[in-house]
């Protein structure tokens, strides 16, 4: 019985069933490699499904704040326009597709802000902050998602 029916838990239950019921019955090398690949993908999906919306909401907030600061400091029109587009076209719901849409719009504001900082030598501190947003948030979270990544069928 599944007492915690989140998407993440359901995916992990499928992984468990594959590992303990199906895998022992699979004897062909190609099929075993395919099963391992499926296991990796299911685990990555489980990790993402548990946290992806929260991660996007946090990053959207952080990117908007950063782009606001850059627009105020530089007067960059592209950053200001991207901020207006991100805010006026935001879906504003927690549905995954809507969050991904909002994230894409906000990422454009971040991109414009970074470009504005690169073009202005006086904005080196703001540029460092923008790079940290990319490095610490996006890269760290991809590392979490891919933590169990391994090459299968090698060795």
N, C-alpha and C. Protein backbone atom coordinates (compact mmCIF):
# COMPACT_ATOMS: atom_id res chain seq x y z
N UNK A 1 0.84 -1.18 0.00
CA UNK A 1 0.00 0.00 0.00
C UNK A 1 0.88 1.24 0.00
N UNK A 2 0.55 2.18 -0.85
CA UNK A 2 1.28 3.43 -0.92
C UNK A 2 0.58 4.43 -0.01
N UNK A 3 1.27 4.84 1.04
CA UNK A 3 0.67 5.77 2.00
C UNK A 3 1.07 7.22 1.71
N UNK A 4 2.05 7.40 0.86
CA UNK A 4 2.50 8.74 0.48
C UNK A 4 2.48 8.83 -1.04
N UNK A 5 1.30 9.06 -1.62
CA UNK A 5 1.17 8.95 -3.08
C UNK A 5 1.63 10.20 -3.85
N UNK A 6 2.81 10.70 -3.54
CA UNK A 6 3.34 11.79 -4.34
C UNK A 6 3.93 11.21 -5.62
N UNK A 7 4.11 12.03 -6.61
CA UNK A 7 4.73 11.56 -7.85
C UNK A 7 6.10 10.98 -7.56
N UNK A 8 6.85 11.64 -6.72
CA UNK A 8 8.18 11.17 -6.36
C UNK A 8 8.12 9.78 -5.74
N UNK A 9 7.21 9.58 -4.82
CA UNK A 9 7.10 8.27 -4.17
C UNK A 9 6.63 7.20 -5.14
N UNK A 10 5.69 7.54 -5.99
CA UNK A 10 5.23 6.57 -6.99
C UNK A 10 6.37 6.13 -7.90
N UNK A 11 7.18 7.08 -8.34
CA UNK A 11 8.32 6.74 -9.19
C UNK A 11 9.33 5.86 -8.45
N UNK A 12 9.54 6.15 -7.18
CA UNK A 12 10.48 5.33 -6.40
C UNK A 12 9.90 3.93 -6.15
N UNK A 13 8.60 3.84 -6.01
CA UNK A 13 7.97 2.52 -5.86
C UNK A 13 8.11 1.70 -7.15
N UNK A 14 7.97 2.36 -8.29
CA UNK A 14 8.18 1.67 -9.56
C UNK A 14 9.62 1.19 -9.67
N UNK A 15 10.57 2.04 -9.28
CA UNK A 15 11.98 1.65 -9.29
C UNK A 15 12.20 0.42 -8.42
N UNK A 16 11.62 0.43 -7.25
CA UNK A 16 11.77 -0.70 -6.33
C UNK A 16 11.20 -1.98 -6.93
N UNK A 17 10.04 -1.87 -7.53
CA UNK A 17 9.41 -3.04 -8.16
C UNK A 17 10.28 -3.56 -9.31
N UNK A 18 10.80 -2.67 -10.11
CA UNK A 18 11.68 -3.08 -11.21
C UNK A 18 12.94 -3.76 -10.68
N UNK A 19 13.51 -3.20 -9.63
CA UNK A 19 14.77 -3.74 -9.08
C UNK A 19 14.57 -5.10 -8.41
N UNK A 20 13.46 -5.27 -7.72
CA UNK A 20 13.29 -6.49 -6.92
C UNK A 20 12.44 -7.57 -7.58
N UNK A 21 11.60 -7.19 -8.52
CA UNK A 21 10.73 -8.17 -9.17
C UNK A 21 11.14 -8.44 -10.62
N UNK A 22 11.39 -7.38 -11.35
CA UNK A 22 11.68 -7.53 -12.78
C UNK A 22 13.15 -7.86 -13.03
N UNK A 23 14.05 -7.11 -12.43
CA UNK A 23 15.49 -7.27 -12.70
C UNK A 23 16.00 -8.70 -12.51
N UNK A 24 15.59 -9.40 -11.44
CA UNK A 24 16.09 -10.77 -11.28
C UNK A 24 15.68 -11.71 -12.42
N UNK A 25 14.63 -11.36 -13.13
CA UNK A 25 14.14 -12.20 -14.23
C UNK A 25 14.75 -11.81 -15.58
N UNK A 26 15.48 -10.71 -15.60
CA UNK A 26 16.08 -10.23 -16.85
C UNK A 26 17.51 -10.76 -16.92
N UNK A 27 17.80 -11.52 -17.97
CA UNK A 27 19.11 -12.15 -18.08
C UNK A 27 19.93 -11.64 -19.25
N UNK A 28 19.30 -11.08 -20.24
CA UNK A 28 20.04 -10.58 -21.40
C UNK A 28 20.77 -9.29 -21.07
N UNK A 29 22.00 -9.18 -21.57
CA UNK A 29 22.84 -8.01 -21.28
C UNK A 29 22.20 -6.71 -21.77
N UNK A 30 21.67 -6.72 -22.96
CA UNK A 30 21.05 -5.52 -23.53
C UNK A 30 19.84 -5.11 -22.70
N UNK A 31 19.04 -6.06 -22.31
CA UNK A 31 17.85 -5.77 -21.50
C UNK A 31 18.25 -5.26 -20.12
N UNK A 32 19.31 -5.80 -19.54
CA UNK A 32 19.78 -5.34 -18.22
C UNK A 32 20.26 -3.89 -18.29
N UNK A 33 20.99 -3.56 -19.36
CA UNK A 33 21.45 -2.19 -19.55
C UNK A 33 20.24 -1.26 -19.70
N UNK A 34 19.27 -1.66 -20.48
CA UNK A 34 18.06 -0.85 -20.66
C UNK A 34 17.35 -0.65 -19.32
N UNK A 35 17.28 -1.69 -18.52
CA UNK A 35 16.64 -1.59 -17.21
C UNK A 35 17.40 -0.62 -16.29
N UNK A 36 18.72 -0.66 -16.33
CA UNK A 36 19.51 0.28 -15.54
C UNK A 36 19.29 1.71 -16.01
N UNK A 37 19.20 1.92 -17.31
CA UNK A 37 18.94 3.26 -17.84
C UNK A 37 17.57 3.76 -17.40
N UNK A 38 16.60 2.89 -17.42
CA UNK A 38 15.25 3.24 -16.95
C UNK A 38 15.30 3.62 -15.48
N UNK A 39 16.05 2.89 -14.69
CA UNK A 39 16.17 3.17 -13.26
C UNK A 39 16.75 4.57 -13.03
N UNK A 40 17.79 4.91 -13.78
CA UNK A 40 18.41 6.23 -13.64
C UNK A 40 17.40 7.33 -13.98
N UNK A 41 16.70 7.16 -15.06
CA UNK A 41 15.73 8.17 -15.48
C UNK A 41 14.60 8.30 -14.46
N UNK A 42 14.13 7.19 -13.94
CA UNK A 42 13.06 7.24 -12.93
C UNK A 42 13.53 7.98 -11.68
N UNK A 43 14.76 7.75 -11.24
CA UNK A 43 15.27 8.44 -10.05
C UNK A 43 15.40 9.93 -10.31
N UNK A 44 15.90 10.31 -11.47
CA UNK A 44 16.01 11.73 -11.78
C UNK A 44 14.63 12.39 -11.84
N UNK A 45 13.68 11.69 -12.39
CA UNK A 45 12.30 12.21 -12.42
C UNK A 45 11.73 12.34 -11.01
N UNK A 46 12.04 11.39 -10.15
CA UNK A 46 11.57 11.44 -8.77
C UNK A 46 12.14 12.66 -8.05
N UNK A 47 13.42 12.92 -8.22
CA UNK A 47 14.05 14.08 -7.59
C UNK A 47 13.44 15.36 -8.12
N UNK A 48 13.33 15.46 -9.43
CA UNK A 48 12.78 16.68 -10.03
C UNK A 48 11.33 16.90 -9.61
N UNK A 49 10.53 15.86 -9.63
CA UNK A 49 9.11 16.02 -9.33
C UNK A 49 8.89 16.47 -7.89
N UNK A 50 9.79 16.09 -7.01
CA UNK A 50 9.64 16.46 -5.61
C UNK A 50 9.91 17.94 -5.37
N UNK A 51 10.82 18.52 -6.14
CA UNK A 51 11.29 19.87 -5.82
C UNK A 51 11.24 20.89 -6.96
N UNK A 52 10.95 20.47 -8.16
CA UNK A 52 11.12 21.34 -9.32
C UNK A 52 10.31 22.63 -9.24
N UNK A 53 9.07 22.58 -8.84
CA UNK A 53 8.25 23.79 -8.78
C UNK A 53 8.79 24.74 -7.71
N UNK A 54 9.17 24.22 -6.57
CA UNK A 54 9.75 25.07 -5.52
C UNK A 54 11.05 25.71 -6.00
N UNK A 55 11.88 24.91 -6.67
CA UNK A 55 13.14 25.46 -7.20
C UNK A 55 12.86 26.59 -8.18
N UNK A 56 11.92 26.38 -9.08
CA UNK A 56 11.62 27.42 -10.07
C UNK A 56 11.08 28.67 -9.39
N UNK A 57 10.20 28.51 -8.41
CA UNK A 57 9.65 29.68 -7.71
C UNK A 57 10.76 30.46 -7.02
N UNK A 58 11.66 29.77 -6.35
CA UNK A 58 12.78 30.44 -5.68
C UNK A 58 13.67 31.16 -6.68
N UNK A 59 13.99 30.47 -7.77
CA UNK A 59 14.88 31.07 -8.77
C UNK A 59 14.22 32.24 -9.48
N UNK A 60 12.92 32.14 -9.76
CA UNK A 60 12.22 33.25 -10.39
C UNK A 60 12.31 34.49 -9.51
N UNK A 61 12.04 34.32 -8.24
CA UNK A 61 12.11 35.44 -7.30
C UNK A 61 13.51 36.04 -7.26
N UNK A 62 14.51 35.19 -7.20
CA UNK A 62 15.90 35.66 -7.15
C UNK A 62 16.31 36.36 -8.45
N UNK A 63 15.91 35.79 -9.59
CA UNK A 63 16.26 36.39 -10.87
C UNK A 63 15.58 37.74 -11.06
N UNK A 64 14.31 37.84 -10.66
CA UNK A 64 13.60 39.11 -10.78
C UNK A 64 14.24 40.19 -9.91
N UNK A 65 14.59 39.84 -8.68
CA UNK A 65 15.23 40.80 -7.79
C UNK A 65 16.56 41.27 -8.37
N UNK A 66 17.32 40.34 -8.90
CA UNK A 66 18.61 40.69 -9.50
C UNK A 66 18.41 41.59 -10.72
N UNK A 67 17.52 41.22 -11.61
CA UNK A 67 17.28 42.03 -12.81
C UNK A 67 16.75 43.42 -12.43
N UNK A 68 15.92 43.50 -11.39
CA UNK A 68 15.46 44.81 -10.90
C UNK A 68 16.65 45.67 -10.47
N UNK A 69 17.56 45.07 -9.72
CA UNK A 69 18.74 45.80 -9.25
C UNK A 69 19.61 46.26 -10.41
N UNK A 70 19.79 45.40 -11.40
CA UNK A 70 20.59 45.77 -12.57
C UNK A 70 19.91 46.88 -13.36
N UNK A 71 18.61 46.76 -13.57
CA UNK A 71 17.88 47.80 -14.31
C UNK A 71 17.99 49.14 -13.59
N UNK A 72 17.88 49.12 -12.27
CA UNK A 72 17.99 50.36 -11.50
C UNK A 72 19.41 50.94 -11.56
N UNK A 73 20.41 50.08 -11.51
CA UNK A 73 21.80 50.54 -11.49
C UNK A 73 22.29 50.99 -12.86
N UNK A 74 21.79 50.36 -13.91
CA UNK A 74 22.33 50.63 -15.25
C UNK A 74 21.38 51.39 -16.16
N UNK A 75 20.10 51.36 -15.86
CA UNK A 75 19.12 51.96 -16.75
C UNK A 75 18.99 51.20 -18.07
N UNK A 76 19.43 49.94 -18.07
CA UNK A 76 19.42 49.15 -19.30
C UNK A 76 17.99 48.90 -19.78
N UNK A 77 17.71 49.33 -21.00
CA UNK A 77 16.36 49.22 -21.55
C UNK A 77 15.96 47.77 -21.83
N UNK A 78 16.90 46.96 -22.29
CA UNK A 78 16.57 45.56 -22.59
C UNK A 78 16.19 44.81 -21.31
N UNK A 79 16.92 45.08 -20.23
CA UNK A 79 16.60 44.43 -18.95
C UNK A 79 15.23 44.90 -18.46
N UNK A 80 14.99 46.20 -18.54
CA UNK A 80 13.69 46.74 -18.11
C UNK A 80 12.56 46.15 -18.93
N UNK A 81 12.75 46.04 -20.24
CA UNK A 81 11.71 45.47 -21.11
C UNK A 81 11.48 43.99 -20.79
N UNK A 82 12.56 43.26 -20.54
CA UNK A 82 12.43 41.84 -20.20
C UNK A 82 11.71 41.67 -18.87
N UNK A 83 11.96 42.57 -17.93
CA UNK A 83 11.24 42.52 -16.65
C UNK A 83 9.75 42.77 -16.84
N UNK A 84 9.42 43.76 -17.64
CA UNK A 84 8.00 44.04 -17.93
C UNK A 84 7.36 42.82 -18.58
N UNK A 85 8.04 42.23 -19.54
CA UNK A 85 7.50 41.05 -20.23
C UNK A 85 7.33 39.89 -19.26
N UNK A 86 8.30 39.69 -18.39
CA UNK A 86 8.22 38.58 -17.43
C UNK A 86 7.05 38.77 -16.48
N UNK A 87 6.86 39.98 -16.02
CA UNK A 87 5.78 40.23 -15.06
C UNK A 87 4.41 40.28 -15.73
N UNK A 88 4.31 40.90 -16.87
CA UNK A 88 2.99 41.06 -17.50
C UNK A 88 2.51 39.80 -18.20
N UNK A 89 3.42 38.91 -18.56
CA UNK A 89 3.03 37.68 -19.24
C UNK A 89 3.11 36.44 -18.36
N UNK A 90 3.38 36.65 -17.09
CA UNK A 90 3.49 35.51 -16.17
C UNK A 90 2.13 34.84 -16.01
N UNK A 91 2.16 33.52 -16.04
CA UNK A 91 0.92 32.75 -15.84
C UNK A 91 0.46 32.86 -14.39
N UNK A 92 1.42 32.86 -13.48
CA UNK A 92 1.10 33.08 -12.08
C UNK A 92 0.45 31.91 -11.37
N UNK A 93 0.59 30.70 -11.91
CA UNK A 93 0.05 29.53 -11.21
C UNK A 93 1.20 28.60 -10.85
N UNK A 94 0.89 27.60 -10.07
CA UNK A 94 1.90 26.60 -9.69
C UNK A 94 1.86 25.36 -10.57
N UNK A 95 1.08 25.40 -11.65
CA UNK A 95 1.10 24.28 -12.58
C UNK A 95 2.47 24.24 -13.25
N UNK A 96 3.01 23.05 -13.42
CA UNK A 96 4.38 22.91 -13.91
C UNK A 96 4.61 23.63 -15.24
N UNK A 97 3.72 23.45 -16.20
CA UNK A 97 3.90 24.12 -17.50
C UNK A 97 3.89 25.64 -17.35
N UNK A 98 3.03 26.16 -16.48
CA UNK A 98 2.98 27.60 -16.25
C UNK A 98 4.26 28.09 -15.57
N UNK A 99 4.74 27.33 -14.60
CA UNK A 99 5.99 27.70 -13.93
C UNK A 99 7.15 27.69 -14.91
N UNK A 100 7.19 26.71 -15.79
CA UNK A 100 8.26 26.64 -16.79
C UNK A 100 8.18 27.85 -17.73
N UNK A 101 6.96 28.24 -18.09
CA UNK A 101 6.76 29.43 -18.92
C UNK A 101 7.28 30.68 -18.20
N UNK A 102 6.88 30.85 -16.95
CA UNK A 102 7.32 32.00 -16.16
C UNK A 102 8.84 31.99 -15.99
N UNK A 103 9.40 30.81 -15.79
CA UNK A 103 10.84 30.66 -15.62
C UNK A 103 11.58 31.09 -16.89
N UNK A 104 11.05 30.72 -18.03
CA UNK A 104 11.67 31.10 -19.30
C UNK A 104 11.65 32.62 -19.48
N UNK A 105 10.53 33.24 -19.18
CA UNK A 105 10.43 34.70 -19.28
C UNK A 105 11.42 35.38 -18.34
N UNK A 106 11.50 34.88 -17.13
CA UNK A 106 12.40 35.48 -16.14
C UNK A 106 13.85 35.23 -16.49
N UNK A 107 14.14 34.09 -17.08
CA UNK A 107 15.52 33.80 -17.52
C UNK A 107 15.97 34.81 -18.57
N UNK A 108 15.05 35.27 -19.39
CA UNK A 108 15.40 36.30 -20.38
C UNK A 108 15.79 37.59 -19.68
N UNK A 109 15.09 37.94 -18.61
CA UNK A 109 15.45 39.14 -17.84
C UNK A 109 16.84 38.97 -17.22
N UNK A 110 17.11 37.78 -16.71
CA UNK A 110 18.44 37.50 -16.14
C UNK A 110 19.51 37.64 -17.22
N UNK A 111 19.25 37.08 -18.39
CA UNK A 111 20.21 37.15 -19.49
C UNK A 111 20.49 38.60 -19.89
N UNK A 112 19.45 39.39 -20.02
CA UNK A 112 19.63 40.81 -20.36
C UNK A 112 20.42 41.54 -19.27
N UNK A 113 20.12 41.22 -18.02
CA UNK A 113 20.82 41.86 -16.91
C UNK A 113 22.30 41.51 -16.92
N UNK A 114 22.61 40.25 -17.17
CA UNK A 114 24.02 39.84 -17.24
C UNK A 114 24.73 40.56 -18.38
N UNK A 115 24.08 40.65 -19.53
CA UNK A 115 24.67 41.34 -20.68
C UNK A 115 24.91 42.82 -20.36
N UNK A 116 23.97 43.44 -19.66
CA UNK A 116 24.13 44.84 -19.28
C UNK A 116 25.33 45.02 -18.35
N UNK A 117 25.50 44.10 -17.44
CA UNK A 117 26.63 44.18 -16.51
C UNK A 117 27.96 43.93 -17.21
N UNK A 118 27.96 43.02 -18.17
CA UNK A 118 29.20 42.76 -18.92
C UNK A 118 29.60 43.97 -19.77
N UNK A 119 28.63 44.73 -20.21
CA UNK A 119 28.90 45.89 -21.05
C UNK A 119 29.33 47.12 -20.24
N UNK A 120 29.17 47.06 -18.93
CA UNK A 120 29.48 48.21 -18.07
C UNK A 120 30.52 47.81 -17.03
N UNK A 121 31.77 48.24 -17.20
CA UNK A 121 32.83 47.84 -16.26
C UNK A 121 32.56 48.27 -14.82
N UNK A 122 31.72 49.26 -14.62
CA UNK A 122 31.41 49.71 -13.26
C UNK A 122 30.47 48.75 -12.52
N UNK A 123 29.95 47.76 -13.22
CA UNK A 123 28.97 46.84 -12.62
C UNK A 123 29.57 45.47 -12.31
N UNK A 124 30.86 45.43 -12.03
CA UNK A 124 31.51 44.13 -11.80
C UNK A 124 30.92 43.38 -10.60
N UNK A 125 30.51 44.11 -9.57
CA UNK A 125 29.92 43.45 -8.40
C UNK A 125 28.56 42.84 -8.75
N UNK A 126 27.76 43.57 -9.49
CA UNK A 126 26.48 43.03 -9.93
C UNK A 126 26.68 41.85 -10.87
N UNK A 127 27.69 41.92 -11.71
CA UNK A 127 27.99 40.80 -12.61
C UNK A 127 28.34 39.56 -11.81
N UNK A 128 29.18 39.72 -10.79
CA UNK A 128 29.54 38.58 -9.93
C UNK A 128 28.29 37.97 -9.29
N UNK A 129 27.40 38.84 -8.83
CA UNK A 129 26.16 38.35 -8.22
C UNK A 129 25.33 37.55 -9.21
N UNK A 130 25.25 38.01 -10.44
CA UNK A 130 24.50 37.29 -11.47
C UNK A 130 25.11 35.94 -11.79
N UNK A 131 26.43 35.92 -11.86
CA UNK A 131 27.13 34.65 -12.11
C UNK A 131 26.89 33.68 -10.96
N UNK A 132 26.85 34.18 -9.75
CA UNK A 132 26.57 33.33 -8.59
C UNK A 132 25.17 32.73 -8.66
N UNK A 133 24.22 33.51 -9.14
CA UNK A 133 22.87 32.98 -9.30
C UNK A 133 22.91 31.78 -10.24
N UNK A 134 23.62 31.93 -11.33
CA UNK A 134 23.74 30.82 -12.28
C UNK A 134 24.49 29.65 -11.68
N UNK A 135 25.61 29.93 -11.07
CA UNK A 135 26.47 28.87 -10.57
C UNK A 135 25.86 28.16 -9.37
N UNK A 136 25.43 28.92 -8.39
CA UNK A 136 24.97 28.32 -7.15
C UNK A 136 23.59 27.70 -7.25
N UNK A 137 22.72 28.31 -7.99
CA UNK A 137 21.36 27.79 -8.05
C UNK A 137 21.22 26.74 -9.14
N UNK A 138 21.41 27.16 -10.35
CA UNK A 138 21.15 26.25 -11.47
C UNK A 138 22.11 25.08 -11.47
N UNK A 139 23.39 25.34 -11.32
CA UNK A 139 24.37 24.25 -11.39
C UNK A 139 24.22 23.30 -10.21
N UNK A 140 24.01 23.84 -9.02
CA UNK A 140 23.85 22.97 -7.85
C UNK A 140 22.62 22.08 -7.98
N UNK A 141 21.55 22.62 -8.48
CA UNK A 141 20.33 21.83 -8.60
C UNK A 141 20.45 20.77 -9.68
N UNK A 142 21.15 21.08 -10.74
CA UNK A 142 21.39 20.04 -11.75
C UNK A 142 22.24 18.93 -11.17
N UNK A 143 23.17 19.30 -10.29
CA UNK A 143 24.00 18.29 -9.64
C UNK A 143 23.14 17.39 -8.77
N UNK A 144 22.18 17.96 -8.06
CA UNK A 144 21.27 17.16 -7.23
C UNK A 144 20.49 16.19 -8.10
N UNK A 145 19.97 16.68 -9.22
CA UNK A 145 19.17 15.84 -10.10
C UNK A 145 20.00 14.72 -10.68
N UNK A 146 21.23 15.01 -11.02
CA UNK A 146 22.09 14.02 -11.67
C UNK A 146 23.01 13.30 -10.70
N UNK A 147 22.73 13.38 -9.42
CA UNK A 147 23.63 12.82 -8.41
C UNK A 147 23.90 11.34 -8.60
N UNK A 148 22.95 10.61 -9.08
CA UNK A 148 23.16 9.17 -9.24
C UNK A 148 23.44 8.79 -10.69
N UNK A 149 23.80 9.77 -11.50
CA UNK A 149 24.09 9.49 -12.90
C UNK A 149 25.29 8.56 -12.99
N UNK A 150 25.16 7.57 -13.80
CA UNK A 150 26.27 6.64 -14.02
C UNK A 150 26.14 6.08 -15.42
N UNK A 151 27.26 5.71 -15.98
CA UNK A 151 27.24 5.07 -17.29
C UNK A 151 26.86 3.62 -17.10
N UNK A 152 25.89 3.18 -17.82
CA UNK A 152 25.49 1.78 -17.71
C UNK A 152 25.96 1.03 -18.93
N UNK A 153 26.25 -0.23 -18.72
CA UNK A 153 26.71 -1.07 -19.81
C UNK A 153 28.16 -0.83 -20.15
N UNK A 154 28.88 -0.15 -19.26
CA UNK A 154 30.29 0.13 -19.49
C UNK A 154 31.11 -0.66 -18.48
N UNK A 155 32.29 -1.02 -18.87
CA UNK A 155 33.18 -1.60 -17.88
C UNK A 155 33.53 -3.02 -18.07
